Amino acid sequence: MATVEVLREMSEEQIVHELREAQQSLFRIRFQSATERNDTPSNIRKLRQTVARIKTIQRERELAGGVADQ
């Protein structure tokens, strides 16, 4: 799980890849916790926060690009 500084330095393609991986991991952990005992329930929260961070950075970039267009 990358920090905000590391995520901000990534290219758009890298961020999309990181988001896809985090969402897949979150799905697997949620599925695992529903079907069997989850050893680390804090991982769900950490992955949700990572997904939110990535989406926030994507939105910031989208808005920054929109300001340049106007």
C-alpha atoms as a PDB file:
ATOM      1  CA  MET A   1       0.000   0.000   0.000  1.00  0.00           C
ATOM      2  CA  ALA A   2       1.552   3.181  -1.199  1.00  0.00           C
ATOM      3  CA  THR A   3       1.672   6.476   0.638  1.00  0.00           C
ATOM      4  CA  VAL A   4       0.104   9.637  -0.728  1.00  0.00           C
ATOM      5  CA  GLU A   5       3.470  11.051  -1.779  1.00  0.00           C
ATOM      6  CA  VAL A   6       4.311   7.923  -3.752  1.00  0.00           C
ATOM      7  CA  LEU A   7       0.872   7.876  -5.371  1.00  0.00           C
ATOM      8  CA  ARG A   8       1.169  11.517  -6.439  1.00  0.00           C
ATOM      9  CA  GLU A   9       4.468  10.766  -8.196  1.00  0.00           C
ATOM     10  CA  MET A  10       2.973   7.887 -10.202  1.00  0.00           C
ATOM     11  CA  SER A  11       1.797   8.251 -13.767  1.00  0.00           C
ATOM     12  CA  GLU A  12      -1.884   7.909 -14.614  1.00  0.00           C
ATOM     13  CA  GLU A  13      -1.388   4.361 -15.909  1.00  0.00           C
ATOM     14  CA  GLN A  14       0.385   3.318 -12.718  1.00  0.00           C
ATOM     15  CA  ILE A  15      -2.384   4.788 -10.575  1.00  0.00           C
ATOM     16  CA  VAL A  16      -5.060   2.948 -12.569  1.00  0.00           C
ATOM     17  CA  HIS A  17      -3.107  -0.291 -12.135  1.00  0.00           C
ATOM     18  CA  GLU A  18      -2.694   0.342  -8.390  1.00  0.00           C
ATOM     19  CA  LEU A  19      -6.427   1.059  -8.048  1.00  0.00           C
ATOM     20  CA  ARG A  20      -7.336  -2.138  -9.890  1.00  0.00           C
ATOM     21  CA  GLU A  21      -5.044  -4.190  -7.629  1.00  0.00           C
ATOM     22  CA  ALA A  22      -6.416  -2.599  -4.455  1.00  0.00           C
ATOM     23  CA  GLN A  23     -10.017  -3.222  -5.540  1.00  0.00           C
ATOM     24  CA  GLN A  24      -9.272  -6.846  -6.387  1.00  0.00           C
ATOM     25  CA  SER A  25      -7.534  -7.378  -3.040  1.00  0.00           C
ATOM     26  CA  LEU A  26     -10.435  -5.770  -1.226  1.00  0.00           C
ATOM     27  CA  PHE A  27     -12.885  -8.051  -3.030  1.00  0.00           C
ATOM     28  CA  ARG A  28     -10.861 -11.152  -2.142  1.00  0.00           C
ATOM     29  CA  ILE A  29     -10.590 -10.167   1.522  1.00  0.00           C
ATOM     30  CA  ARG A  30     -14.291  -9.310   1.791  1.00  0.00           C
ATOM     31  CA  PHE A  31     -15.204 -12.595   0.126  1.00  0.00           C
ATOM     32  CA  GLN A  32     -12.839 -14.482   2.419  1.00  0.00           C
ATOM     33  CA  SER A  33     -14.270 -12.822   5.537  1.00  0.00           C
ATOM     34  CA  ALA A  34     -17.792 -13.737   4.438  1.00  0.00           C
ATOM     35  CA  THR A  35     -16.970 -17.385   3.817  1.00  0.00           C
ATOM     36  CA  GLU A  36     -14.425 -18.106   6.518  1.00  0.00           C
ATOM     37  CA  ARG A  37     -12.698 -16.557   9.465  1.00  0.00           C
ATOM     38  CA  ASN A  38     -10.758 -13.415   8.635  1.00  0.00           C
ATOM     39  CA  ASP A  39      -7.392 -13.263  10.419  1.00  0.00           C
ATOM     40  CA  THR A  40      -6.821  -9.550   9.870  1.00  0.00           C
ATOM     41  CA  PRO A  41     -10.039  -7.538   9.712  1.00  0.00           C
ATOM     42  CA  SER A  42      -8.035  -4.299   9.756  1.00  0.00           C
ATOM     43  CA  ASN A  43      -6.890  -5.032   6.191  1.00  0.00           C
ATOM     44  CA  ILE A  44     -10.383  -4.275   4.906  1.00  0.00           C
ATOM     45  CA  ARG A  45     -10.227  -0.784   6.371  1.00  0.00           C
ATOM     46  CA  LYS A  46      -6.700  -0.188   5.073  1.00  0.00           C
ATOM     47  CA  LEU A  47      -7.633  -1.250   1.547  1.00  0.00           C
ATOM     48  CA  ARG A  48     -10.776   0.900   1.565  1.00  0.00           C
ATOM     49  CA  GLN A  49      -8.649   3.877   2.589  1.00  0.00           C
ATOM     50  CA  THR A  50      -6.143   3.130  -0.163  1.00  0.00           C
ATOM     51  CA  VAL A  51      -8.912   2.985  -2.775  1.00  0.00           C
ATOM     52  CA  ALA A  52     -10.271   6.304  -1.482  1.00  0.00           C
ATOM     53  CA  ARG A  53      -6.808   7.915  -1.630  1.00  0.00           C
ATOM     54  CA  ILE A  54      -6.265   6.784  -5.196  1.00  0.00           C
ATOM     55  CA  LYS A  55      -9.684   8.007  -6.304  1.00  0.00           C
ATOM     56  CA  THR A  56      -9.053  11.356  -4.588  1.00  0.00           C
ATOM     57  CA  ILE A  57      -5.768  11.796  -6.436  1.00  0.00           C
ATOM     58  CA  GLN A  58      -7.442  10.883  -9.732  1.00  0.00           C
ATOM     59  CA  ARG A  59     -10.153  13.470  -9.070  1.00  0.00           C
ATOM     60  CA  GLU A  60      -7.585  16.141  -8.163  1.00  0.00           C
ATOM     61  CA  ARG A  61      -5.783  15.499 -11.438  1.00  0.00           C
ATOM     62  CA  GLU A  62      -9.064  15.605 -13.343  1.00  0.00           C
ATOM     63  CA  LEU A  63      -9.965  18.955 -11.812  1.00  0.00           C
ATOM     64  CA  ALA A  64      -6.466  20.346 -12.377  1.00  0.00           C
ATOM     65  CA  GLY A  65      -6.694  19.326 -16.037  1.00  0.00           C
ATOM     66  CA  GLY A  66     -10.119  20.929 -16.318  1.00  0.00           C
ATOM     67  CA  VAL A  67      -8.850  24.242 -14.962  1.00  0.00           C
ATOM     68  CA  ALA A  68      -6.084  24.282 -17.559  1.00  0.00           C
ATOM     69  CA  ASP A  69      -8.672  23.711 -20.316  1.00  0.00           C
ATOM     70  CA  GLN A  70     -10.787  26.701 -19.299  1.00  0.00           C
END
